[in-house]
Amino acid sequence: MIARLRSAVVLIAAVVVFAPAAEAGRPALRWLSAPPAGAHLTVRDLRQPVLRISAAAARPQARVTISLLGRSPVRLSVRRGNPAVAVLTLPGPQPFGARTLGVTVVARTTGRHPVALTRTFVLLLRPATISLRGPGARSRWAFVVRSTAARSAPSAHAPLVAAVPRTTPDTAPNLVRVVAETRRWALAELTVLPNGRTGWIPRRDLSVYHVVETRLVVDRARLALTLYRAGRRVFHAAVGIGTRGAPTPRGTFYVRERLTRFGDPFYGPIAFGTSARSPTLTDWPGGGIVGIHGTNRPDLVPGRISHGCVRLRNSDIVRLARLLPLGTPVEIR
């Protein structure tokens, strides 16, 4: 990739634009601030403007503009004039992993005898924090290999957000969904109130990442549950959800544990604990956790029948269990 970009730099640099003679021996158009041709610039904070570029014409009355040559994922905000000033930024969220982008900018004068200059350089996107969302439908999770703490920033001195135990209250191995990372820290979704909280966990306290392409959607209005794999629907069933006084909380969570062999047929043959928490007591053993489980009252499904958990008929939860891996994101609408 870099070799091709350098070749492009050589070809573009070979283009000569002829223009009327400049005043007093000065070039008709020149860069005031721009990276050297072929320069490689490392960008780590993708949320901030990448750089400022400006160009000026020798004639004071001339008007200059700056634009991008070719298609590019970068954005250029331009203030025309003499000099013209452009600010280069990267649109949208952080990319997955590191990338290399070739950028060519063009400065032009307007009028009957336009003059143009090109400048090509390379952006090496190496964000200090790398997003782990995607690409596509992929999501990543990891086991907690030792009890640890989640903090508000990737630093051992940052304020504590929550304790992160190695096991769940049901003694199952605990896991977290990981959405971003730095070299030594991982940003994880947490099973704490208020729902939706995240925290930075030392990377050494987590296992290797596991990848899933599944997504579970609970539609509270339609009393339905749908499982998608790589964007395609692979399972659909009616459900029972929380009552209006003890609703199933809205938000994005993940499947945290899988449990079987309950002594109480109330939960059916299989149950999944999620990272969602209810501010009131739920059906889940010990309360608080929003689970997805079977039922000994299939006649009540679909309906608003629980204290916050999601109930399926036993035949449906058995079918779902064959398709639903740990770490699957759960969207409750």
C-alpha atoms as a PDB file:
ATOM      1  CA  MET A   1       0.000   0.000   0.000  1.00  0.00           C
ATOM      2  CA  ILE A   2       2.729   2.463   0.987  1.00  0.00           C
ATOM      3  CA  ALA A   3       4.722   1.617  -2.131  1.00  0.00           C
ATOM      4  CA  ARG A   4       1.733   2.380  -4.373  1.00  0.00           C
ATOM      5  CA  LEU A   5       1.141   5.681  -2.583  1.00  0.00           C
ATOM      6  CA  ARG A   6       4.776   6.701  -2.996  1.00  0.00           C
ATOM      7  CA  SER A   7       4.518   5.927  -6.717  1.00  0.00           C
ATOM      8  CA  ALA A   8       1.442   8.136  -6.883  1.00  0.00           C
ATOM      9  CA  VAL A   9       3.379  10.914  -5.173  1.00  0.00           C
ATOM     10  CA  VAL A  10       6.131  10.693  -7.791  1.00  0.00           C
ATOM     11  CA  LEU A  11       3.623  10.811 -10.657  1.00  0.00           C
ATOM     12  CA  ILE A  12       1.709  13.754  -9.221  1.00  0.00           C
ATOM     13  CA  ALA A  13       4.902  15.616  -8.408  1.00  0.00           C
ATOM     14  CA  ALA A  14       5.908  15.250 -12.054  1.00  0.00           C
ATOM     15  CA  VAL A  15       2.879  17.266 -13.208  1.00  0.00           C
ATOM     16  CA  VAL A  16       3.901  20.851 -14.000  1.00  0.00           C
ATOM     17  CA  VAL A  17       1.259  23.560 -14.171  1.00  0.00           C
ATOM     18  CA  PHE A  18       2.183  26.470 -16.427  1.00  0.00           C
ATOM     19  CA  ALA A  19       0.884  29.903 -15.468  1.00  0.00           C
ATOM     20  CA  PRO A  20       1.552  33.570 -16.120  1.00  0.00           C
ATOM     21  CA  ALA A  21       4.793  34.863 -14.631  1.00  0.00           C
ATOM     22  CA  ALA A  22       4.584  35.701 -10.967  1.00  0.00           C
ATOM     23  CA  GLU A  23       4.939  39.216  -9.728  1.00  0.00           C
ATOM     24  CA  ALA A  24       8.437  40.329  -8.743  1.00  0.00           C
ATOM     25  CA  GLY A  25       9.853  36.840  -9.243  1.00  0.00           C
ATOM     26  CA  ARG A  26       7.566  35.274  -6.661  1.00  0.00           C
ATOM     27  CA  PRO A  27       5.667  32.053  -7.530  1.00  0.00           C
ATOM     28  CA  ALA A  28       2.107  32.707  -8.707  1.00  0.00           C
ATOM     29  CA  LEU A  29       0.790  30.303  -6.057  1.00  0.00           C
ATOM     30  CA  ARG A  30       2.508  28.738  -3.080  1.00  0.00           C
ATOM     31  CA  TRP A  31       1.775  26.623  -0.020  1.00  0.00           C
ATOM     32  CA  LEU A  32       2.008  28.512   3.240  1.00  0.00           C
ATOM     33  CA  SER A  33       1.441  25.451   5.396  1.00  0.00           C
ATOM     34  CA  ALA A  34       1.166  21.890   4.129  1.00  0.00           C
ATOM     35  CA  PRO A  35       2.937  18.581   4.835  1.00  0.00           C
ATOM     36  CA  PRO A  36       5.989  17.942   2.637  1.00  0.00           C
ATOM     37  CA  ALA A  37       5.254  15.930  -0.496  1.00  0.00           C
ATOM     38  CA  GLY A  38       5.188  12.231   0.379  1.00  0.00           C
ATOM     39  CA  ALA A  39       5.235  12.905   4.128  1.00  0.00           C
ATOM     40  CA  HIS A  40       3.871  10.225   6.476  1.00  0.00           C
ATOM     41  CA  LEU A  41       1.837  11.740   9.329  1.00  0.00           C
ATOM     42  CA  THR A  42       0.768   9.638  12.332  1.00  0.00           C
ATOM     43  CA  VAL A  43      -2.696  10.502  13.666  1.00  0.00           C
ATOM     44  CA  ARG A  44      -3.705   9.191  17.103  1.00  0.00           C
ATOM     45  CA  ASP A  45      -6.663  11.307  18.217  1.00  0.00           C
ATOM     46  CA  LEU A  46      -9.200  10.742  15.453  1.00  0.00           C
ATOM     47  CA  ARG A  47     -11.780  12.998  17.094  1.00  0.00           C
ATOM     48  CA  GLN A  48      -9.725  16.161  16.567  1.00  0.00           C
ATOM     49  CA  PRO A  49      -8.876  18.055  13.333  1.00  0.00           C
ATOM     50  CA  VAL A  50      -5.938  16.304  11.699  1.00  0.00           C
ATOM     51  CA  LEU A  51      -4.114  19.332  10.274  1.00  0.00           C
ATOM     52  CA  ARG A  52      -4.431  22.850   8.855  1.00  0.00           C
ATOM     53  CA  ILE A  53      -3.401  23.625   5.267  1.00  0.00           C
ATOM     54  CA  SER A  54      -3.108  27.046   3.642  1.00  0.00           C
ATOM     55  CA  ALA A  55      -2.044  28.479   0.286  1.00  0.00           C
ATOM     56  CA  ALA A  56      -1.623  32.029  -1.087  1.00  0.00           C
ATOM     57  CA  ALA A  57      -1.326  33.718  -4.496  1.00  0.00           C
ATOM     58  CA  ALA A  58       1.256  36.359  -5.373  1.00  0.00           C
ATOM     59  CA  ARG A  59      -1.378  38.765  -6.682  1.00  0.00           C
ATOM     60  CA  PRO A  60      -3.183  40.320  -3.689  1.00  0.00           C
ATOM     61  CA  GLN A  61      -6.487  40.497  -5.570  1.00  0.00           C
ATOM     62  CA  ALA A  62      -6.423  36.798  -6.496  1.00  0.00           C
ATOM     63  CA  ARG A  63      -8.827  34.341  -4.892  1.00  0.00           C
ATOM     64  CA  VAL A  64      -7.626  30.889  -3.837  1.00  0.00           C
ATOM     65  CA  THR A  65      -9.487  27.705  -2.955  1.00  0.00           C
ATOM     66  CA  ILE A  66      -8.336  24.290  -1.702  1.00  0.00           C
ATOM     67  CA  SER A  67      -9.964  20.931  -2.465  1.00  0.00           C
ATOM     68  CA  LEU A  68      -9.356  17.185  -2.348  1.00  0.00           C
ATOM     69  CA  LEU A  69      -8.324  15.292  -5.457  1.00  0.00           C
ATOM     70  CA  GLY A  70     -10.173  12.007  -5.963  1.00  0.00           C
ATOM     71  CA  ARG A  71     -12.385  10.136  -3.531  1.00  0.00           C
ATOM     72  CA  SER A  72     -11.259  10.132   0.078  1.00  0.00           C
ATOM     73  CA  PRO A  73     -12.802   9.309   3.480  1.00  0.00           C
ATOM     74  CA  VAL A  74     -11.384  12.540   4.914  1.00  0.00           C
ATOM     75  CA  ARG A  75     -13.303  15.812   5.091  1.00  0.00           C
ATOM     76  CA  LEU A  76     -11.972  19.247   4.148  1.00  0.00           C
ATOM     77  CA  SER A  77     -13.469  22.469   5.534  1.00  0.00           C
ATOM     78  CA  VAL A  78     -12.313  25.381   3.384  1.00  0.00           C
ATOM     79  CA  ARG A  79     -12.241  29.168   3.815  1.00  0.00           C
ATOM     80  CA  ARG A  80     -11.566  30.697   0.406  1.00  0.00           C
ATOM     81  CA  GLY A  81      -9.580  33.873  -0.031  1.00  0.00           C
ATOM     82  CA  ASN A  82      -5.975  34.945  -0.233  1.00  0.00           C
ATOM     83  CA  PRO A  83      -4.696  33.065   1.596  1.00  0.00           C
ATOM     84  CA  ALA A  84      -7.118  30.120   1.525  1.00  0.00           C
ATOM     85  CA  VAL A  85      -7.244  27.964   4.649  1.00  0.00           C
ATOM     86  CA  ALA A  86      -8.470  24.353   4.893  1.00  0.00           C
ATOM     87  CA  VAL A  87      -8.876  22.073   7.911  1.00  0.00           C
ATOM     88  CA  LEU A  88      -8.684  18.315   7.352  1.00  0.00           C
ATOM     89  CA  THR A  89     -10.731  16.023   9.635  1.00  0.00           C
ATOM     90  CA  LEU A  90     -11.786  12.370   9.723  1.00  0.00           C
ATOM     91  CA  PRO A  91     -15.575  11.871   9.701  1.00  0.00           C
ATOM     92  CA  GLY A  92     -17.528   9.315  11.700  1.00  0.00           C
ATOM     93  CA  PRO A  93     -16.470   6.974  14.510  1.00  0.00           C
ATOM     94  CA  GLN A  94     -13.013   5.569  15.016  1.00  0.00           C
ATOM     95  CA  PRO A  95     -12.085   2.924  12.450  1.00  0.00           C
ATOM     96  CA  PHE A  96     -11.556  -0.706  13.294  1.00  0.00           C
ATOM     97  CA  GLY A  97      -7.835  -1.081  13.882  1.00  0.00           C
ATOM     98  CA  ALA A  98      -5.158   0.960  12.138  1.00  0.00           C
ATOM     99  CA  ARG A  99      -5.378   2.281   8.589  1.00  0.00           C
ATOM    100  CA  THR A 100      -3.243   4.044   6.005  1.00  0.00           C
ATOM    101  CA  LEU A 101      -4.792   6.778   3.840  1.00  0.00           C
ATOM    102  CA  GLY A 102      -3.284   8.601   0.884  1.00  0.00           C
ATOM    103  CA  VAL A 103      -4.463  12.225   0.615  1.00  0.00           C
ATOM    104  CA  THR A 104      -3.968  14.676  -2.258  1.00  0.00           C
ATOM    105  CA  VAL A 105      -4.978  18.310  -1.856  1.00  0.00           C
ATOM    106  CA  VAL A 106      -5.158  20.882  -4.649  1.00  0.00           C
ATOM    107  CA  ALA A 107      -4.805  24.659  -4.283  1.00  0.00           C
ATOM    108  CA  ARG A 108      -6.190  26.723  -7.202  1.00  0.00           C
ATOM    109  CA  THR A 109      -6.573  30.349  -8.118  1.00  0.00           C
ATOM    110  CA  THR A 110      -9.824  31.395  -9.742  1.00  0.00           C
ATOM    111  CA  GLY A 111     -10.253  33.580 -12.784  1.00  0.00           C
ATOM    112  CA  ARG A 112      -9.309  33.512 -16.490  1.00  0.00           C
ATOM    113  CA  HIS A 113      -5.795  32.155 -15.963  1.00  0.00           C
ATOM    114  CA  PRO A 114      -6.040  29.666 -13.063  1.00  0.00           C
ATOM    115  CA  VAL A 115      -2.953  28.223 -11.423  1.00  0.00           C
ATOM    116  CA  ALA A 116      -2.955  24.947  -9.504  1.00  0.00           C
ATOM    117  CA  LEU A 117      -0.635  23.177  -7.069  1.00  0.00           C
ATOM    118  CA  THR A 118      -0.985  19.627  -5.756  1.00  0.00           C
ATOM    119  CA  ARG A 119       0.435  18.086  -2.614  1.00  0.00           C
ATOM    120  CA  THR A 120       0.183  14.382  -1.685  1.00  0.00           C
ATOM    121  CA  PHE A 121       0.920  12.903   1.727  1.00  0.00           C
ATOM    122  CA  VAL A 122       0.032   9.819   3.755  1.00  0.00           C
ATOM    123  CA  LEU A 123      -1.973   9.599   6.989  1.00  0.00           C
ATOM    124  CA  LEU A 124      -1.074   6.710   9.290  1.00  0.00           C
ATOM    125  CA  LEU A 125      -4.122   6.273  11.545  1.00  0.00           C
ATOM    126  CA  ARG A 126      -2.878   4.793  14.795  1.00  0.00           C
ATOM    127  CA  PRO A 127      -5.527   5.733  17.354  1.00  0.00           C
ATOM    128  CA  ALA A 128      -4.489   5.419  20.980  1.00  0.00           C
ATOM    129  CA  THR A 129      -7.921   3.893  21.555  1.00  0.00           C
ATOM    130  CA  ILE A 130      -9.041   1.348  18.952  1.00  0.00           C
ATOM    131  CA  SER A 131     -12.719   0.531  18.493  1.00  0.00           C
ATOM    132  CA  LEU A 132     -13.612  -3.160  18.710  1.00  0.00           C
ATOM    133  CA  ARG A 133     -17.130  -2.733  17.335  1.00  0.00           C
ATOM    134  CA  GLY A 134     -17.310  -4.672  14.098  1.00  0.00           C
ATOM    135  CA  PRO A 135     -16.398  -4.876  11.345  1.00  0.00           C
ATOM    136  CA  GLY A 136     -19.887  -5.845  10.256  1.00  0.00           C
ATOM    137  CA  ALA A 137     -21.905  -7.793  12.817  1.00  0.00           C
ATOM    138  CA  ARG A 138     -18.895  -8.871  14.875  1.00  0.00           C
ATOM    139  CA  SER A 139     -18.768  -8.332  18.621  1.00  0.00           C
ATOM    140  CA  ARG A 140     -15.980  -9.242  21.053  1.00  0.00           C
ATOM    141  CA  TRP A 141     -16.052 -10.499  24.612  1.00  0.00           C
ATOM    142  CA  ALA A 142     -13.608 -11.922  27.158  1.00  0.00           C
ATOM    143  CA  PHE A 143     -13.692 -13.921  30.387  1.00  0.00           C
ATOM    144  CA  VAL A 144     -12.590 -12.162  33.559  1.00  0.00           C
ATOM    145  CA  VAL A 145      -9.585 -14.277  34.591  1.00  0.00           C
ATOM    146  CA  ARG A 146      -9.082 -12.558  37.965  1.00  0.00           C
ATOM    147  CA  SER A 147     -11.198 -10.263  40.101  1.00  0.00           C
ATOM    148  CA  THR A 148     -10.418  -6.695  39.145  1.00  0.00           C
ATOM    149  CA  ALA A 149     -11.804  -3.160  38.990  1.00  0.00           C
ATOM    150  CA  ALA A 150     -13.205  -1.056  36.169  1.00  0.00           C
ATOM    151  CA  ARG A 151     -12.086   2.581  36.047  1.00  0.00           C
ATOM    152  CA  SER A 152     -13.356   5.727  34.356  1.00  0.00           C
ATOM    153  CA  ALA A 153     -10.220   6.076  32.184  1.00  0.00           C
ATOM    154  CA  PRO A 154      -7.392   3.759  31.072  1.00  0.00           C
ATOM    155  CA  SER A 155      -5.259   4.514  34.109  1.00  0.00           C
ATOM    156  CA  ALA A 156      -4.699   2.854  37.478  1.00  0.00           C
ATOM    157  CA  HIS A 157      -5.175   6.307  39.034  1.00  0.00           C
ATOM    158  CA  ALA A 158      -8.578   6.964  37.438  1.00  0.00           C
ATOM    159  CA  PRO A 159     -11.701   6.879  39.641  1.00  0.00           C
ATOM    160  CA  LEU A 160     -13.227   3.465  40.307  1.00  0.00           C
ATOM    161  CA  VAL A 161     -16.424   2.685  38.383  1.00  0.00           C
ATOM    162  CA  ALA A 162     -17.216  -0.807  39.702  1.00  0.00           C
ATOM    163  CA  ALA A 163     -15.694  -4.008  40.985  1.00  0.00           C
ATOM    164  CA  VAL A 164     -15.529  -6.769  38.365  1.00  0.00           C
ATOM    165  CA  PRO A 165     -15.571 -10.266  39.934  1.00  0.00           C
ATOM    166  CA  ARG A 166     -14.172 -13.421  38.327  1.00  0.00           C
ATOM    167  CA  THR A 167     -17.500 -15.261  38.723  1.00  0.00           C
ATOM    168  CA  THR A 168     -21.166 -14.284  38.613  1.00  0.00           C
ATOM    169  CA  PRO A 169     -23.416 -14.572  41.695  1.00  0.00           C
ATOM    170  CA  ASP A 170     -24.477 -17.951  40.235  1.00  0.00           C
ATOM    171  CA  THR A 171     -20.787 -19.067  40.332  1.00  0.00           C
ATOM    172  CA  ALA A 172     -20.555 -19.141  36.535  1.00  0.00           C
ATOM    173  CA  PRO A 173     -17.403 -17.676  34.914  1.00  0.00           C
ATOM    174  CA  ASN A 174     -17.912 -13.952  34.502  1.00  0.00           C
ATOM    175  CA  LEU A 175     -17.420 -12.290  31.124  1.00  0.00           C
ATOM    176  CA  VAL A 176     -17.614  -8.784  29.691  1.00  0.00           C
ATOM    177  CA  ARG A 177     -18.308  -7.395  26.256  1.00  0.00           C
ATOM    178  CA  VAL A 178     -15.276  -5.410  25.056  1.00  0.00           C
ATOM    179  CA  VAL A 179     -15.921  -2.382  22.841  1.00  0.00           C
ATOM    180  CA  ALA A 180     -12.510  -0.651  22.662  1.00  0.00           C
ATOM    181  CA  GLU A 181      -8.926  -1.071  23.768  1.00  0.00           C
ATOM    182  CA  THR A 182      -5.611   0.621  24.276  1.00  0.00           C
ATOM    183  CA  ARG A 183      -2.292  -1.157  24.543  1.00  0.00           C
ATOM    184  CA  ARG A 184      -2.861  -2.175  28.189  1.00  0.00           C
ATOM    185  CA  TRP A 185      -6.556  -1.525  28.850  1.00  0.00           C
ATOM    186  CA  ALA A 186      -9.933  -2.715  27.533  1.00  0.00           C
ATOM    187  CA  LEU A 187     -13.183  -0.743  27.638  1.00  0.00           C
ATOM    188  CA  ALA A 188     -15.947  -3.117  28.751  1.00  0.00           C
ATOM    189  CA  GLU A 189     -19.705  -2.966  29.231  1.00  0.00           C
ATOM    190  CA  LEU A 190     -20.551  -3.632  32.879  1.00  0.00           C
ATOM    191  CA  THR A 191     -23.326  -5.412  34.796  1.00  0.00           C
ATOM    192  CA  VAL A 192     -24.091  -2.525  37.158  1.00  0.00           C
ATOM    193  CA  LEU A 193     -26.724   0.117  37.687  1.00  0.00           C
ATOM    194  CA  PRO A 194     -27.397   2.423  36.017  1.00  0.00           C
ATOM    195  CA  ASN A 195     -27.544   0.232  32.921  1.00  0.00           C
ATOM    196  CA  GLY A 196     -25.242   1.134  30.073  1.00  0.00           C
ATOM    197  CA  ARG A 197     -22.170   1.933  32.171  1.00  0.00           C
ATOM    198  CA  THR A 198     -18.729   1.081  30.849  1.00  0.00           C
ATOM    199  CA  GLY A 199     -15.321   0.955  32.475  1.00  0.00           C
ATOM    200  CA  TRP A 200     -11.658   0.384  31.647  1.00  0.00           C
ATOM    201  CA  ILE A 201     -10.255  -2.974  32.803  1.00  0.00           C
ATOM    202  CA  PRO A 202      -6.548  -3.928  32.731  1.00  0.00           C
ATOM    203  CA  ARG A 203      -6.006  -6.121  29.678  1.00  0.00           C
ATOM    204  CA  ARG A 204      -4.034  -8.633  31.755  1.00  0.00           C
ATOM    205  CA  ASP A 205      -7.186  -9.382  33.807  1.00  0.00           C
ATOM    206  CA  LEU A 206      -9.088 -10.614  30.751  1.00  0.00           C
ATOM    207  CA  SER A 207      -8.802 -13.715  28.596  1.00  0.00           C
ATOM    208  CA  VAL A 208      -8.220 -13.740  24.861  1.00  0.00           C
ATOM    209  CA  TYR A 209     -11.061 -12.141  22.923  1.00  0.00           C
ATOM    210  CA  HIS A 210     -13.891 -14.302  21.614  1.00  0.00           C
ATOM    211  CA  VAL A 211     -15.833 -13.180  18.535  1.00  0.00           C
ATOM    212  CA  VAL A 212     -19.559 -13.606  17.845  1.00  0.00           C
ATOM    213  CA  GLU A 213     -21.665 -12.513  14.884  1.00  0.00           C
ATOM    214  CA  THR A 214     -25.018 -12.986  16.591  1.00  0.00           C
ATOM    215  CA  ARG A 215     -27.405 -10.329  17.909  1.00  0.00           C
ATOM    216  CA  LEU A 216     -30.534 -10.887  20.004  1.00  0.00           C
ATOM    217  CA  VAL A 217     -33.407  -8.389  19.800  1.00  0.00           C
ATOM    218  CA  VAL A 218     -36.253  -8.277  22.339  1.00  0.00           C
ATOM    219  CA  ASP A 219     -39.179  -6.196  21.054  1.00  0.00           C
ATOM    220  CA  ARG A 220     -41.241  -5.186  24.071  1.00  0.00           C
ATOM    221  CA  ALA A 221     -44.058  -3.678  21.991  1.00  0.00           C
ATOM    222  CA  ARG A 222     -44.547  -6.826  19.908  1.00  0.00           C
ATOM    223  CA  LEU A 223     -43.704  -9.259  22.736  1.00  0.00           C
ATOM    224  CA  ALA A 224     -41.240 -11.014  20.456  1.00  0.00           C
ATOM    225  CA  LEU A 225     -37.594 -12.164  20.486  1.00  0.00           C
ATOM    226  CA  THR A 226     -35.463 -12.476  17.331  1.00  0.00           C
ATOM    227  CA  LEU A 227     -31.947 -13.823  16.905  1.00  0.00           C
ATOM    228  CA  TYR A 228     -29.787 -12.668  14.000  1.00  0.00           C
ATOM    229  CA  ARG A 229     -26.538 -14.188  12.780  1.00  0.00           C
ATOM    230  CA  ALA A 230     -24.402 -12.047  10.470  1.00  0.00           C
ATOM    231  CA  GLY A 231     -27.485  -9.899   9.867  1.00  0.00           C
ATOM    232  CA  ARG A 232     -29.820 -12.774   8.935  1.00  0.00           C
ATOM    233  CA  ARG A 233     -32.755 -13.876  11.076  1.00  0.00           C
ATOM    234  CA  VAL A 234     -32.275 -17.405  12.396  1.00  0.00           C
ATOM    235  CA  PHE A 235     -34.801 -17.577  15.264  1.00  0.00           C
ATOM    236  CA  HIS A 236     -38.059 -15.906  16.268  1.00  0.00           C
ATOM    237  CA  ALA A 237     -40.469 -16.558  19.149  1.00  0.00           C
ATOM    238  CA  ALA A 238     -43.111 -14.951  21.350  1.00  0.00           C
ATOM    239  CA  VAL A 239     -42.038 -13.896  24.850  1.00  0.00           C
ATOM    240  CA  GLY A 240     -43.316 -12.739  28.171  1.00  0.00           C
ATOM    241  CA  ILE A 241     -41.736  -9.575  29.579  1.00  0.00           C
ATOM    242  CA  GLY A 242     -41.950  -7.411  32.674  1.00  0.00           C
ATOM    243  CA  THR A 243     -45.132  -5.824  33.910  1.00  0.00           C
ATOM    244  CA  ARG A 244     -45.645  -2.089  33.720  1.00  0.00           C
ATOM    245  CA  GLY A 245     -44.736  -1.828  37.388  1.00  0.00           C
ATOM    246  CA  ALA A 246     -41.552  -3.908  36.953  1.00  0.00           C
ATOM    247  CA  PRO A 247     -40.610  -3.415  33.299  1.00  0.00           C
ATOM    248  CA  THR A 248     -37.909  -5.165  31.346  1.00  0.00           C
ATOM    249  CA  PRO A 249     -35.308  -2.377  30.956  1.00  0.00           C
ATOM    250  CA  ARG A 250     -34.556  -0.875  27.566  1.00  0.00           C
ATOM    251  CA  GLY A 251     -30.959  -0.795  26.320  1.00  0.00           C
ATOM    252  CA  THR A 252     -28.092  -2.756  24.811  1.00  0.00           C
ATOM    253  CA  PHE A 253     -26.638  -5.590  26.897  1.00  0.00           C
ATOM    254  CA  TYR A 254     -25.037  -9.011  26.327  1.00  0.00           C
ATOM    255  CA  VAL A 255     -25.472 -12.670  27.257  1.00  0.00           C
ATOM    256  CA  ARG A 256     -23.338 -13.155  30.349  1.00  0.00           C
ATOM    257  CA  GLU A 257     -23.989 -16.739  31.470  1.00  0.00           C
ATOM    258  CA  ARG A 258     -25.849 -19.948  30.632  1.00  0.00           C
ATOM    259  CA  LEU A 259     -27.413 -22.052  33.386  1.00  0.00           C
ATOM    260  CA  THR A 260     -29.181 -25.427  33.395  1.00  0.00           C
ATOM    261  CA  ARG A 261     -30.599 -27.918  35.890  1.00  0.00           C
ATOM    262  CA  PHE A 262     -32.629 -25.506  37.952  1.00  0.00           C
ATOM    263  CA  GLY A 263     -34.327 -27.176  40.875  1.00  0.00           C
ATOM    264  CA  ASP A 264     -37.409 -25.021  40.264  1.00  0.00           C
ATOM    265  CA  PRO A 265     -39.420 -25.713  37.059  1.00  0.00           C
ATOM    266  CA  PHE A 266     -40.404 -22.029  37.128  1.00  0.00           C
ATOM    267  CA  TYR A 267     -37.247 -21.236  35.095  1.00  0.00           C
ATOM    268  CA  GLY A 268     -37.625 -24.013  32.540  1.00  0.00           C
ATOM    269  CA  PRO A 269     -34.786 -26.245  31.345  1.00  0.00           C
ATOM    270  CA  ILE A 270     -32.277 -23.529  30.360  1.00  0.00           C
ATOM    271  CA  ALA A 271     -31.699 -19.920  31.354  1.00  0.00           C
ATOM    272  CA  PHE A 272     -29.397 -17.149  30.172  1.00  0.00           C
ATOM    273  CA  GLY A 273     -28.261 -14.351  32.457  1.00  0.00           C
ATOM    274  CA  THR A 274     -27.691 -10.991  30.769  1.00  0.00           C
ATOM    275  CA  SER A 275     -25.760  -7.891  31.786  1.00  0.00           C
ATOM    276  CA  ALA A 276     -29.041  -5.989  32.208  1.00  0.00           C
ATOM    277  CA  ARG A 277     -30.057  -4.988  35.727  1.00  0.00           C
ATOM    278  CA  SER A 278     -33.471  -4.051  37.017  1.00  0.00           C
ATOM    279  CA  PRO A 279     -33.834  -1.342  39.658  1.00  0.00           C
ATOM    280  CA  THR A 280     -36.520  -3.581  41.185  1.00  0.00           C
ATOM    281  CA  LEU A 281     -36.400  -7.264  42.103  1.00  0.00           C
ATOM    282  CA  THR A 282     -36.608  -9.560  39.043  1.00  0.00           C
ATOM    283  CA  ASP A 283     -37.548 -13.212  38.628  1.00  0.00           C
ATOM    284  CA  TRP A 284     -33.866 -14.156  38.588  1.00  0.00           C
ATOM    285  CA  PRO A 285     -32.544 -16.098  41.599  1.00  0.00           C
ATOM    286  CA  GLY A 286     -31.235 -13.469  43.991  1.00  0.00           C
ATOM    287  CA  GLY A 287     -33.003 -10.717  42.050  1.00  0.00           C
ATOM    288  CA  GLY A 288     -31.654  -7.802  40.036  1.00  0.00           C
ATOM    289  CA  ILE A 289     -30.367  -9.644  36.957  1.00  0.00           C
ATOM    290  CA  VAL A 290     -32.568  -9.688  33.851  1.00  0.00           C
ATOM    291  CA  GLY A 291     -32.587 -13.263  32.591  1.00  0.00           C
ATOM    292  CA  ILE A 292     -33.922 -15.024  29.519  1.00  0.00           C
ATOM    293  CA  HIS A 293     -35.436 -18.359  30.538  1.00  0.00           C
ATOM    294  CA  GLY A 294     -38.177 -20.935  30.097  1.00  0.00           C
ATOM    295  CA  THR A 295     -41.376 -21.189  32.098  1.00  0.00           C
ATOM    296  CA  ASN A 296     -43.784 -23.653  33.672  1.00  0.00           C
ATOM    297  CA  ARG A 297     -46.667 -21.420  32.573  1.00  0.00           C
ATOM    298  CA  PRO A 298     -46.530 -21.434  28.751  1.00  0.00           C
ATOM    299  CA  ASP A 299     -50.165 -20.344  28.666  1.00  0.00           C
ATOM    300  CA  LEU A 300     -49.090 -16.863  29.833  1.00  0.00           C
ATOM    301  CA  VAL A 301     -46.758 -16.311  26.847  1.00  0.00           C
ATOM    302  CA  PRO A 302     -46.923 -13.818  25.146  1.00  0.00           C
ATOM    303  CA  GLY A 303     -47.736 -11.235  27.778  1.00  0.00           C
ATOM    304  CA  ARG A 304     -46.509  -8.775  30.380  1.00  0.00           C
ATOM    305  CA  ILE A 305     -46.140 -11.335  33.114  1.00  0.00           C
ATOM    306  CA  SER A 306     -42.707 -11.132  34.787  1.00  0.00           C
ATOM    307  CA  HIS A 307     -40.825  -8.872  37.171  1.00  0.00           C
ATOM    308  CA  GLY A 308     -38.396  -7.944  34.395  1.00  0.00           C
ATOM    309  CA  CYS A 309     -37.041 -11.222  32.998  1.00  0.00           C
ATOM    310  CA  VAL A 310     -37.818 -12.453  29.480  1.00  0.00           C
ATOM    311  CA  ARG A 311     -39.732 -15.746  29.443  1.00  0.00           C
ATOM    312  CA  LEU A 312     -40.057 -18.173  26.529  1.00  0.00           C
ATOM    313  CA  ARG A 313     -41.972 -21.392  26.177  1.00  0.00           C
ATOM    314  CA  ASN A 314     -39.710 -24.316  27.067  1.00  0.00           C
ATOM    315  CA  SER A 315     -39.658 -25.664  23.502  1.00  0.00           C
ATOM    316  CA  ASP A 316     -38.531 -22.237  22.268  1.00  0.00           C
ATOM    317  CA  ILE A 317     -35.788 -21.748  24.878  1.00  0.00           C
ATOM    318  CA  VAL A 318     -34.375 -25.188  23.995  1.00  0.00           C
ATOM    319  CA  ARG A 319     -34.239 -24.234  20.302  1.00  0.00           C
ATOM    320  CA  LEU A 320     -32.724 -20.848  21.123  1.00  0.00           C
ATOM    321  CA  ALA A 321     -30.036 -22.450  23.300  1.00  0.00           C
ATOM    322  CA  ARG A 322     -28.691 -24.343  20.258  1.00  0.00           C
ATOM    323  CA  LEU A 323     -28.127 -21.040  18.433  1.00  0.00           C
ATOM    324  CA  LEU A 324     -27.216 -18.496  21.114  1.00  0.00           C
ATOM    325  CA  PRO A 325     -23.517 -18.218  22.101  1.00  0.00           C
ATOM    326  CA  LEU A 326     -22.189 -16.458  25.153  1.00  0.00           C
ATOM    327  CA  GLY A 327     -21.271 -12.822  24.645  1.00  0.00           C
ATOM    328  CA  THR A 328     -24.090 -12.187  22.154  1.00  0.00           C
ATOM    329  CA  PRO A 329     -25.244  -8.545  22.241  1.00  0.00           C
ATOM    330  CA  VAL A 330     -28.838  -8.191  23.465  1.00  0.00           C
ATOM    331  CA  GLU A 331     -30.890  -5.222  22.295  1.00  0.00           C
ATOM    332  CA  ILE A 332     -34.066  -4.600  24.317  1.00  0.00           C
ATOM    333  CA  ARG A 333     -36.292  -2.138  22.532  1.00  0.00           C
END
